[in-house]
């Protein structure tokens, strides 16, 4: 090495290090959301983790894990896999949580549609995201979802004739069920005859850095845009909060 090059290296400015402010505990953990639920079930299986006053539901970790695993197995049979989009538009209920974790377990992406969307806005979200399955209810609070369901029915009939892109498979998760629709409970029951080994293999292929959730922005200056969140991002959200809040670590 020449004297000049040695001098240049000696006088070169030191690289700027990243700055870290705040506590470093608990440490960040690389887990998928499916793995996180499995871990919590192992550690706190009989402890209540989900209470929905208006439905009367009181689910333990065992309940949530079993429901989401059963639903995940059925979604696999429906052809949903890694990177596929599954949409949901519903009020706060226990089934919502099960859908969230079921989709996460198989590496699919949950598309969350705002409960106040009109039929036109919801159709835009479903089309933009190319969702394969759509979980919803006929009513959300005071909002009537039947116009949206009719639009989807008409879209399905039109696409059946023109052989264009397929429409999402609609599943009613609770409440009144119109004729011809699959239900959340029906999907759960059908999973009783399935082999859980397939779900185990699917979960092993999911990585923490993969996208698990699409959330639409408000769209105040144009059409809503889809923001992508990974398993890691969703996992780290509660970290700044007091640990007893979620008991996730």
C-alpha atoms as a PDB file:
ATOM      1  CA  UNK A   1       0.000   0.000   0.000  1.00  0.00           C
ATOM      2  CA  UNK A   2       1.380   3.437  -0.904  1.00  0.00           C
ATOM      3  CA  UNK A   3       2.023   6.167   1.651  1.00  0.00           C
ATOM      4  CA  UNK A   4      -0.521   8.389  -0.119  1.00  0.00           C
ATOM      5  CA  UNK A   5      -3.319   5.794   0.099  1.00  0.00           C
ATOM      6  CA  UNK A   6      -2.535   5.182   3.769  1.00  0.00           C
ATOM      7  CA  UNK A   7      -2.741   8.910   4.433  1.00  0.00           C
ATOM      8  CA  UNK A   8      -6.051   9.181   2.568  1.00  0.00           C
ATOM      9  CA  UNK A   9      -7.535   6.397   4.672  1.00  0.00           C
ATOM     10  CA  UNK A  10      -6.306   7.980   7.889  1.00  0.00           C
ATOM     11  CA  UNK A  11      -7.848  11.360   7.054  1.00  0.00           C
ATOM     12  CA  UNK A  12     -11.108  10.018   5.604  1.00  0.00           C
ATOM     13  CA  UNK A  13     -14.137  10.985   7.709  1.00  0.00           C
ATOM     14  CA  UNK A  14     -15.501   8.218   9.900  1.00  0.00           C
ATOM     15  CA  UNK A  15     -18.846   6.791   8.756  1.00  0.00           C
ATOM     16  CA  UNK A  16     -21.830   8.223  10.590  1.00  0.00           C
ATOM     17  CA  UNK A  17     -23.481   5.678  12.822  1.00  0.00           C
ATOM     18  CA  UNK A  18     -27.227   5.300  13.166  1.00  0.00           C
ATOM     19  CA  UNK A  19     -28.789   6.965  16.181  1.00  0.00           C
ATOM     20  CA  UNK A  20     -30.967   5.015  18.587  1.00  0.00           C
ATOM     21  CA  UNK A  21     -33.200   6.691  21.107  1.00  0.00           C
ATOM     22  CA  UNK A  22     -35.292   5.021  23.751  1.00  0.00           C
ATOM     23  CA  UNK A  23     -35.343   1.580  25.370  1.00  0.00           C
ATOM     24  CA  UNK A  24     -34.030  -1.511  23.622  1.00  0.00           C
ATOM     25  CA  UNK A  25     -36.166  -3.959  25.590  1.00  0.00           C
ATOM     26  CA  UNK A  26     -38.115  -5.992  24.773  1.00  0.00           C
ATOM     27  CA  UNK A  27     -35.954  -6.878  21.747  1.00  0.00           C
ATOM     28  CA  UNK A  28     -37.434  -7.177  18.261  1.00  0.00           C
ATOM     29  CA  UNK A  29     -38.323 -10.763  17.409  1.00  0.00           C
ATOM     30  CA  UNK A  30     -38.564 -12.221  13.917  1.00  0.00           C
ATOM     31  CA  UNK A  31     -41.858 -14.081  14.043  1.00  0.00           C
ATOM     32  CA  UNK A  32     -44.708 -14.337  11.597  1.00  0.00           C
ATOM     33  CA  UNK A  33     -48.131 -13.551  13.030  1.00  0.00           C
ATOM     34  CA  UNK A  34     -49.044 -17.214  12.735  1.00  0.00           C
ATOM     35  CA  UNK A  35     -45.974 -18.204  14.743  1.00  0.00           C
ATOM     36  CA  UNK A  36     -46.771 -15.511  17.304  1.00  0.00           C
ATOM     37  CA  UNK A  37     -50.265 -16.895  17.863  1.00  0.00           C
ATOM     38  CA  UNK A  38     -48.916 -20.447  18.115  1.00  0.00           C
ATOM     39  CA  UNK A  39     -46.390 -19.278  20.731  1.00  0.00           C
ATOM     40  CA  UNK A  40     -49.017 -17.425  22.753  1.00  0.00           C
ATOM     41  CA  UNK A  41     -51.300 -20.453  22.593  1.00  0.00           C
ATOM     42  CA  UNK A  42     -48.513 -22.665  23.924  1.00  0.00           C
ATOM     43  CA  UNK A  43     -47.782 -20.263  26.787  1.00  0.00           C
ATOM     44  CA  UNK A  44     -51.280 -18.999  27.651  1.00  0.00           C
ATOM     45  CA  UNK A  45     -53.686 -21.377  25.920  1.00  0.00           C
ATOM     46  CA  UNK A  46     -56.521 -21.231  28.450  1.00  0.00           C
ATOM     47  CA  UNK A  47     -56.245 -17.488  29.058  1.00  0.00           C
ATOM     48  CA  UNK A  48     -58.844 -15.197  27.502  1.00  0.00           C
ATOM     49  CA  UNK A  49     -57.415 -13.102  24.683  1.00  0.00           C
ATOM     50  CA  UNK A  50     -60.512 -11.817  22.901  1.00  0.00           C
ATOM     51  CA  UNK A  51     -63.691 -10.400  24.453  1.00  0.00           C
ATOM     52  CA  UNK A  52     -66.450  -8.946  22.248  1.00  0.00           C
ATOM     53  CA  UNK A  53     -69.226  -7.549  24.487  1.00  0.00           C
ATOM     54  CA  UNK A  54     -71.869  -7.062  21.791  1.00  0.00           C
ATOM     55  CA  UNK A  55     -71.610 -10.672  20.537  1.00  0.00           C
ATOM     56  CA  UNK A  56     -70.966 -12.214  23.964  1.00  0.00           C
ATOM     57  CA  UNK A  57     -67.814 -13.950  22.700  1.00  0.00           C
ATOM     58  CA  UNK A  58     -65.021 -14.743  25.159  1.00  0.00           C
ATOM     59  CA  UNK A  59     -62.252 -16.587  23.320  1.00  0.00           C
ATOM     60  CA  UNK A  60     -59.097 -18.034  24.802  1.00  0.00           C
ATOM     61  CA  UNK A  61     -55.865 -18.332  22.847  1.00  0.00           C
ATOM     62  CA  UNK A  62     -56.818 -21.971  22.262  1.00  0.00           C
ATOM     63  CA  UNK A  63     -60.119 -20.861  20.712  1.00  0.00           C
ATOM     64  CA  UNK A  64     -58.559 -18.233  18.455  1.00  0.00           C
ATOM     65  CA  UNK A  65     -55.791 -20.564  17.320  1.00  0.00           C
ATOM     66  CA  UNK A  66     -58.197 -23.420  16.588  1.00  0.00           C
ATOM     67  CA  UNK A  67     -60.661 -21.215  14.688  1.00  0.00           C
ATOM     68  CA  UNK A  68     -57.969 -19.530  12.606  1.00  0.00           C
ATOM     69  CA  UNK A  69     -56.263 -22.848  11.813  1.00  0.00           C
ATOM     70  CA  UNK A  70     -59.543 -24.420  10.710  1.00  0.00           C
ATOM     71  CA  UNK A  71     -60.310 -21.448   8.486  1.00  0.00           C
ATOM     72  CA  UNK A  72     -56.761 -21.440   7.105  1.00  0.00           C
ATOM     73  CA  UNK A  73     -57.113 -25.082   6.043  1.00  0.00           C
ATOM     74  CA  UNK A  74     -60.318 -24.299   4.161  1.00  0.00           C
ATOM     75  CA  UNK A  75     -58.746 -21.267   2.474  1.00  0.00           C
ATOM     76  CA  UNK A  76     -55.929 -23.500   1.242  1.00  0.00           C
ATOM     77  CA  UNK A  77     -58.526 -25.836  -0.277  1.00  0.00           C
ATOM     78  CA  UNK A  78     -60.133 -22.816  -1.955  1.00  0.00           C
ATOM     79  CA  UNK A  79     -56.863 -22.144  -3.751  1.00  0.00           C
ATOM     80  CA  UNK A  80     -55.638 -19.276  -1.583  1.00  0.00           C
ATOM     81  CA  UNK A  81     -51.878 -19.254  -1.097  1.00  0.00           C
ATOM     82  CA  UNK A  82     -48.811 -17.097  -0.553  1.00  0.00           C
ATOM     83  CA  UNK A  83     -49.309 -13.567  -1.854  1.00  0.00           C
ATOM     84  CA  UNK A  84     -53.004 -14.001  -2.671  1.00  0.00           C
ATOM     85  CA  UNK A  85     -55.341 -11.321  -1.380  1.00  0.00           C
ATOM     86  CA  UNK A  86     -58.294 -11.944   0.926  1.00  0.00           C
ATOM     87  CA  UNK A  87     -60.531  -8.947   1.647  1.00  0.00           C
ATOM     88  CA  UNK A  88     -62.677  -8.222   4.671  1.00  0.00           C
ATOM     89  CA  UNK A  89     -65.307  -5.569   5.379  1.00  0.00           C
ATOM     90  CA  UNK A  90     -67.034  -6.157   8.693  1.00  0.00           C
ATOM     91  CA  UNK A  91     -67.589  -4.760  12.158  1.00  0.00           C
ATOM     92  CA  UNK A  92     -65.621  -5.722  15.251  1.00  0.00           C
ATOM     93  CA  UNK A  93     -66.321  -9.381  15.976  1.00  0.00           C
ATOM     94  CA  UNK A  94     -64.482 -12.551  16.912  1.00  0.00           C
ATOM     95  CA  UNK A  95     -64.656 -13.876  13.353  1.00  0.00           C
ATOM     96  CA  UNK A  96     -62.691 -10.842  12.149  1.00  0.00           C
ATOM     97  CA  UNK A  97     -59.745 -11.835  14.354  1.00  0.00           C
ATOM     98  CA  UNK A  98     -59.908 -15.439  13.143  1.00  0.00           C
ATOM     99  CA  UNK A  99     -59.884 -14.319   9.500  1.00  0.00           C
ATOM    100  CA  UNK A 100     -56.896 -12.069  10.188  1.00  0.00           C
ATOM    101  CA  UNK A 101     -54.771 -14.866  11.644  1.00  0.00           C
ATOM    102  CA  UNK A 102     -56.001 -17.497   9.175  1.00  0.00           C
ATOM    103  CA  UNK A 103     -54.838 -15.368   6.258  1.00  0.00           C
ATOM    104  CA  UNK A 104     -51.520 -14.663   7.985  1.00  0.00           C
ATOM    105  CA  UNK A 105     -50.866 -18.352   8.656  1.00  0.00           C
ATOM    106  CA  UNK A 106     -50.922 -19.311   4.977  1.00  0.00           C
ATOM    107  CA  UNK A 107     -48.885 -16.351   3.735  1.00  0.00           C
ATOM    108  CA  UNK A 108     -51.796 -14.586   2.065  1.00  0.00           C
ATOM    109  CA  UNK A 109     -52.509 -10.848   2.393  1.00  0.00           C
ATOM    110  CA  UNK A 110     -55.533  -9.443   4.217  1.00  0.00           C
ATOM    111  CA  UNK A 111     -57.099  -6.452   2.465  1.00  0.00           C
ATOM    112  CA  UNK A 112     -58.971  -4.320   4.991  1.00  0.00           C
ATOM    113  CA  UNK A 113     -61.862  -2.326   3.529  1.00  0.00           C
ATOM    114  CA  UNK A 114     -63.317   0.584   5.479  1.00  0.00           C
ATOM    115  CA  UNK A 115     -66.671  -0.248   7.076  1.00  0.00           C
ATOM    116  CA  UNK A 116     -68.184   2.981   5.755  1.00  0.00           C
ATOM    117  CA  UNK A 117     -67.301   2.351   2.103  1.00  0.00           C
ATOM    118  CA  UNK A 118     -70.087   2.672  -0.427  1.00  0.00           C
ATOM    119  CA  UNK A 119     -70.628  -0.176  -2.875  1.00  0.00           C
ATOM    120  CA  UNK A 120     -68.598   1.719  -5.489  1.00  0.00           C
ATOM    121  CA  UNK A 121     -65.685   2.294  -3.110  1.00  0.00           C
ATOM    122  CA  UNK A 122     -65.673  -1.317  -1.929  1.00  0.00           C
ATOM    123  CA  UNK A 123     -65.754  -2.604  -5.506  1.00  0.00           C
ATOM    124  CA  UNK A 124     -62.773  -0.398  -6.316  1.00  0.00           C
ATOM    125  CA  UNK A 125     -60.830  -1.891  -3.401  1.00  0.00           C
ATOM    126  CA  UNK A 126     -61.735  -5.456  -4.350  1.00  0.00           C
ATOM    127  CA  UNK A 127     -60.812  -4.918  -7.992  1.00  0.00           C
ATOM    128  CA  UNK A 128     -57.612  -2.997  -7.268  1.00  0.00           C
ATOM    129  CA  UNK A 129     -56.386  -5.663  -4.844  1.00  0.00           C
ATOM    130  CA  UNK A 130     -57.557  -8.569  -7.028  1.00  0.00           C
ATOM    131  CA  UNK A 131     -58.958 -10.295  -3.941  1.00  0.00           C
ATOM    132  CA  UNK A 132     -59.823 -13.981  -4.280  1.00  0.00           C
ATOM    133  CA  UNK A 133     -62.113 -14.170  -1.239  1.00  0.00           C
ATOM    134  CA  UNK A 134     -64.244 -11.483   0.395  1.00  0.00           C
ATOM    135  CA  UNK A 135     -65.507 -11.828   3.985  1.00  0.00           C
ATOM    136  CA  UNK A 136     -68.358  -9.494   4.891  1.00  0.00           C
ATOM    137  CA  UNK A 137     -71.811  -9.150   6.468  1.00  0.00           C
ATOM    138  CA  UNK A 138     -75.131  -7.959   5.084  1.00  0.00           C
ATOM    139  CA  UNK A 139     -75.152  -5.104   7.588  1.00  0.00           C
ATOM    140  CA  UNK A 140     -72.431  -3.197   9.439  1.00  0.00           C
ATOM    141  CA  UNK A 141     -74.077  -1.119  12.136  1.00  0.00           C
ATOM    142  CA  UNK A 142     -76.608   1.067  10.319  1.00  0.00           C
ATOM    143  CA  UNK A 143     -75.015   0.484   6.914  1.00  0.00           C
ATOM    144  CA  UNK A 144     -76.777  -1.888   4.520  1.00  0.00           C
ATOM    145  CA  UNK A 145     -74.348  -3.996   2.484  1.00  0.00           C
ATOM    146  CA  UNK A 146     -76.929  -5.612   0.205  1.00  0.00           C
ATOM    147  CA  UNK A 147     -76.278  -3.118  -2.651  1.00  0.00           C
ATOM    148  CA  UNK A 148     -72.638  -4.233  -2.630  1.00  0.00           C
ATOM    149  CA  UNK A 149     -73.626  -7.905  -2.649  1.00  0.00           C
ATOM    150  CA  UNK A 150     -75.981  -7.277  -5.580  1.00  0.00           C
ATOM    151  CA  UNK A 151     -73.203  -5.517  -7.493  1.00  0.00           C
ATOM    152  CA  UNK A 152     -70.908  -8.483  -6.915  1.00  0.00           C
ATOM    153  CA  UNK A 153     -73.625 -10.898  -8.063  1.00  0.00           C
ATOM    154  CA  UNK A 154     -74.142  -8.908 -11.271  1.00  0.00           C
ATOM    155  CA  UNK A 155     -70.395  -8.728 -11.814  1.00  0.00           C
ATOM    156  CA  UNK A 156     -70.150 -12.505 -11.426  1.00  0.00           C
ATOM    157  CA  UNK A 157     -72.912 -13.064 -13.992  1.00  0.00           C
ATOM    158  CA  UNK A 158     -71.303 -10.684 -16.482  1.00  0.00           C
ATOM    159  CA  UNK A 159     -67.880 -12.249 -16.080  1.00  0.00           C
ATOM    160  CA  UNK A 160     -69.388 -15.686 -16.469  1.00  0.00           C
ATOM    161  CA  UNK A 161     -70.527 -14.660 -19.929  1.00  0.00           C
ATOM    162  CA  UNK A 162     -67.409 -12.752 -20.960  1.00  0.00           C
ATOM    163  CA  UNK A 163     -64.800 -14.992 -19.287  1.00  0.00           C
ATOM    164  CA  UNK A 164     -62.995 -11.970 -17.837  1.00  0.00           C
ATOM    165  CA  UNK A 165     -61.142 -11.760 -14.515  1.00  0.00           C
ATOM    166  CA  UNK A 166     -62.920 -13.765 -11.815  1.00  0.00           C
ATOM    167  CA  UNK A 167     -64.856 -12.061  -9.028  1.00  0.00           C
ATOM    168  CA  UNK A 168     -64.081 -12.692  -5.337  1.00  0.00           C
ATOM    169  CA  UNK A 169     -65.704 -15.608  -3.553  1.00  0.00           C
ATOM    170  CA  UNK A 170     -68.044 -13.974  -1.008  1.00  0.00           C
ATOM    171  CA  UNK A 171     -68.334 -15.433   2.504  1.00  0.00           C
ATOM    172  CA  UNK A 172     -70.840 -14.090   5.071  1.00  0.00           C
ATOM    173  CA  UNK A 173     -69.132 -14.159   8.452  1.00  0.00           C
ATOM    174  CA  UNK A 174     -72.175 -13.601  10.700  1.00  0.00           C
ATOM    175  CA  UNK A 175     -75.778 -12.419  10.799  1.00  0.00           C
ATOM    176  CA  UNK A 176     -78.358 -12.816   8.031  1.00  0.00           C
ATOM    177  CA  UNK A 177     -77.180 -15.010   5.148  1.00  0.00           C
ATOM    178  CA  UNK A 178     -78.815 -14.539   1.720  1.00  0.00           C
ATOM    179  CA  UNK A 179     -79.446 -17.649  -0.361  1.00  0.00           C
ATOM    180  CA  UNK A 180     -76.469 -19.033  -2.217  1.00  0.00           C
ATOM    181  CA  UNK A 181     -73.688 -17.658  -0.022  1.00  0.00           C
ATOM    182  CA  UNK A 182     -71.054 -19.573   1.907  1.00  0.00           C
ATOM    183  CA  UNK A 183     -70.726 -18.788   5.601  1.00  0.00           C
ATOM    184  CA  UNK A 184     -67.872 -18.532   8.071  1.00  0.00           C
ATOM    185  CA  UNK A 185     -69.365 -21.323  10.187  1.00  0.00           C
ATOM    186  CA  UNK A 186     -69.686 -23.534   7.123  1.00  0.00           C
ATOM    187  CA  UNK A 187     -66.013 -23.084   6.283  1.00  0.00           C
ATOM    188  CA  UNK A 188     -65.049 -23.926   9.857  1.00  0.00           C
ATOM    189  CA  UNK A 189     -67.152 -27.104   9.820  1.00  0.00           C
ATOM    190  CA  UNK A 190     -65.654 -28.271   6.539  1.00  0.00           C
ATOM    191  CA  UNK A 191     -62.160 -28.053   8.045  1.00  0.00           C
ATOM    192  CA  UNK A 192     -62.960 -30.873  10.486  1.00  0.00           C
ATOM    193  CA  UNK A 193     -62.409 -33.378   7.670  1.00  0.00           C
ATOM    194  CA  UNK A 194     -59.068 -31.934   6.542  1.00  0.00           C
ATOM    195  CA  UNK A 195     -55.470 -32.938   7.227  1.00  0.00           C
ATOM    196  CA  UNK A 196     -53.635 -30.323   9.345  1.00  0.00           C
ATOM    197  CA  UNK A 197     -50.295 -31.402   7.845  1.00  0.00           C
ATOM    198  CA  UNK A 198     -50.968 -29.234   4.805  1.00  0.00           C
ATOM    199  CA  UNK A 199     -51.403 -26.166   6.998  1.00  0.00           C
ATOM    200  CA  UNK A 200     -48.193 -26.983   8.876  1.00  0.00           C
ATOM    201  CA  UNK A 201     -46.255 -27.107   5.607  1.00  0.00           C
ATOM    202  CA  UNK A 202     -47.822 -23.849   4.424  1.00  0.00           C
ATOM    203  CA  UNK A 203     -46.940 -22.039   7.659  1.00  0.00           C
ATOM    204  CA  UNK A 204     -43.309 -23.107   7.358  1.00  0.00           C
ATOM    205  CA  UNK A 205     -43.041 -21.257   4.030  1.00  0.00           C
ATOM    206  CA  UNK A 206     -44.150 -17.888   5.435  1.00  0.00           C
ATOM    207  CA  UNK A 207     -41.412 -15.366   6.320  1.00  0.00           C
ATOM    208  CA  UNK A 208     -41.595 -12.367   8.695  1.00  0.00           C
ATOM    209  CA  UNK A 209     -40.652  -9.836   5.987  1.00  0.00           C
ATOM    210  CA  UNK A 210     -43.548 -10.841   3.722  1.00  0.00           C
ATOM    211  CA  UNK A 211     -46.547  -8.537   3.307  1.00  0.00           C
ATOM    212  CA  UNK A 212     -49.514  -9.623   5.423  1.00  0.00           C
ATOM    213  CA  UNK A 213     -51.847  -6.634   5.245  1.00  0.00           C
ATOM    214  CA  UNK A 214     -53.036  -4.001   2.757  1.00  0.00           C
ATOM    215  CA  UNK A 215     -54.724  -0.923   4.198  1.00  0.00           C
ATOM    216  CA  UNK A 216     -56.201   1.790   1.999  1.00  0.00           C
ATOM    217  CA  UNK A 217     -55.390   5.441   2.646  1.00  0.00           C
ATOM    218  CA  UNK A 218     -58.173   8.001   2.976  1.00  0.00           C
ATOM    219  CA  UNK A 219     -57.783   9.165  -0.620  1.00  0.00           C
ATOM    220  CA  UNK A 220     -58.428  12.850   0.145  1.00  0.00           C
ATOM    221  CA  UNK A 221     -56.473  13.990  -2.950  1.00  0.00           C
ATOM    222  CA  UNK A 222     -57.408  11.125  -5.238  1.00  0.00           C
ATOM    223  CA  UNK A 223     -58.276   7.461  -5.213  1.00  0.00           C
ATOM    224  CA  UNK A 224     -57.229   5.563  -2.060  1.00  0.00           C
ATOM    225  CA  UNK A 225     -53.786   3.980  -2.216  1.00  0.00           C
ATOM    226  CA  UNK A 226     -52.897   0.629  -0.671  1.00  0.00           C
ATOM    227  CA  UNK A 227     -50.236   0.705   2.050  1.00  0.00           C
ATOM    228  CA  UNK A 228     -48.364  -2.569   2.590  1.00  0.00           C
ATOM    229  CA  UNK A 229     -47.566  -3.901   6.074  1.00  0.00           C
ATOM    230  CA  UNK A 230     -45.371  -6.930   6.777  1.00  0.00           C
ATOM    231  CA  UNK A 231     -45.581  -9.503   9.561  1.00  0.00           C
ATOM    232  CA  UNK A 232     -42.612  -7.721  11.181  1.00  0.00           C
ATOM    233  CA  UNK A 233     -44.323  -4.344  11.043  1.00  0.00           C
ATOM    234  CA  UNK A 234     -47.570  -5.662  12.547  1.00  0.00           C
ATOM    235  CA  UNK A 235     -45.613  -7.538  15.198  1.00  0.00           C
ATOM    236  CA  UNK A 236     -43.659  -4.477  16.340  1.00  0.00           C
ATOM    237  CA  UNK A 237     -46.651  -2.103  16.655  1.00  0.00           C
ATOM    238  CA  UNK A 238     -47.369  -2.966  20.343  1.00  0.00           C
ATOM    239  CA  UNK A 239     -43.685  -2.842  21.382  1.00  0.00           C
ATOM    240  CA  UNK A 240     -43.774   0.802  22.637  1.00  0.00           C
ATOM    241  CA  UNK A 241     -46.891   0.066  24.714  1.00  0.00           C
ATOM    242  CA  UNK A 242     -46.842  -1.377  28.246  1.00  0.00           C
ATOM    243  CA  UNK A 243     -46.217  -5.106  28.023  1.00  0.00           C
ATOM    244  CA  UNK A 244     -49.404  -6.185  29.881  1.00  0.00           C
ATOM    245  CA  UNK A 245     -51.491  -4.432  27.209  1.00  0.00           C
ATOM    246  CA  UNK A 246     -51.141  -7.214  24.648  1.00  0.00           C
ATOM    247  CA  UNK A 247     -48.912  -9.796  26.382  1.00  0.00           C
ATOM    248  CA  UNK A 248     -47.195 -10.495  23.070  1.00  0.00           C
ATOM    249  CA  UNK A 249     -43.719 -11.102  24.470  1.00  0.00           C
END
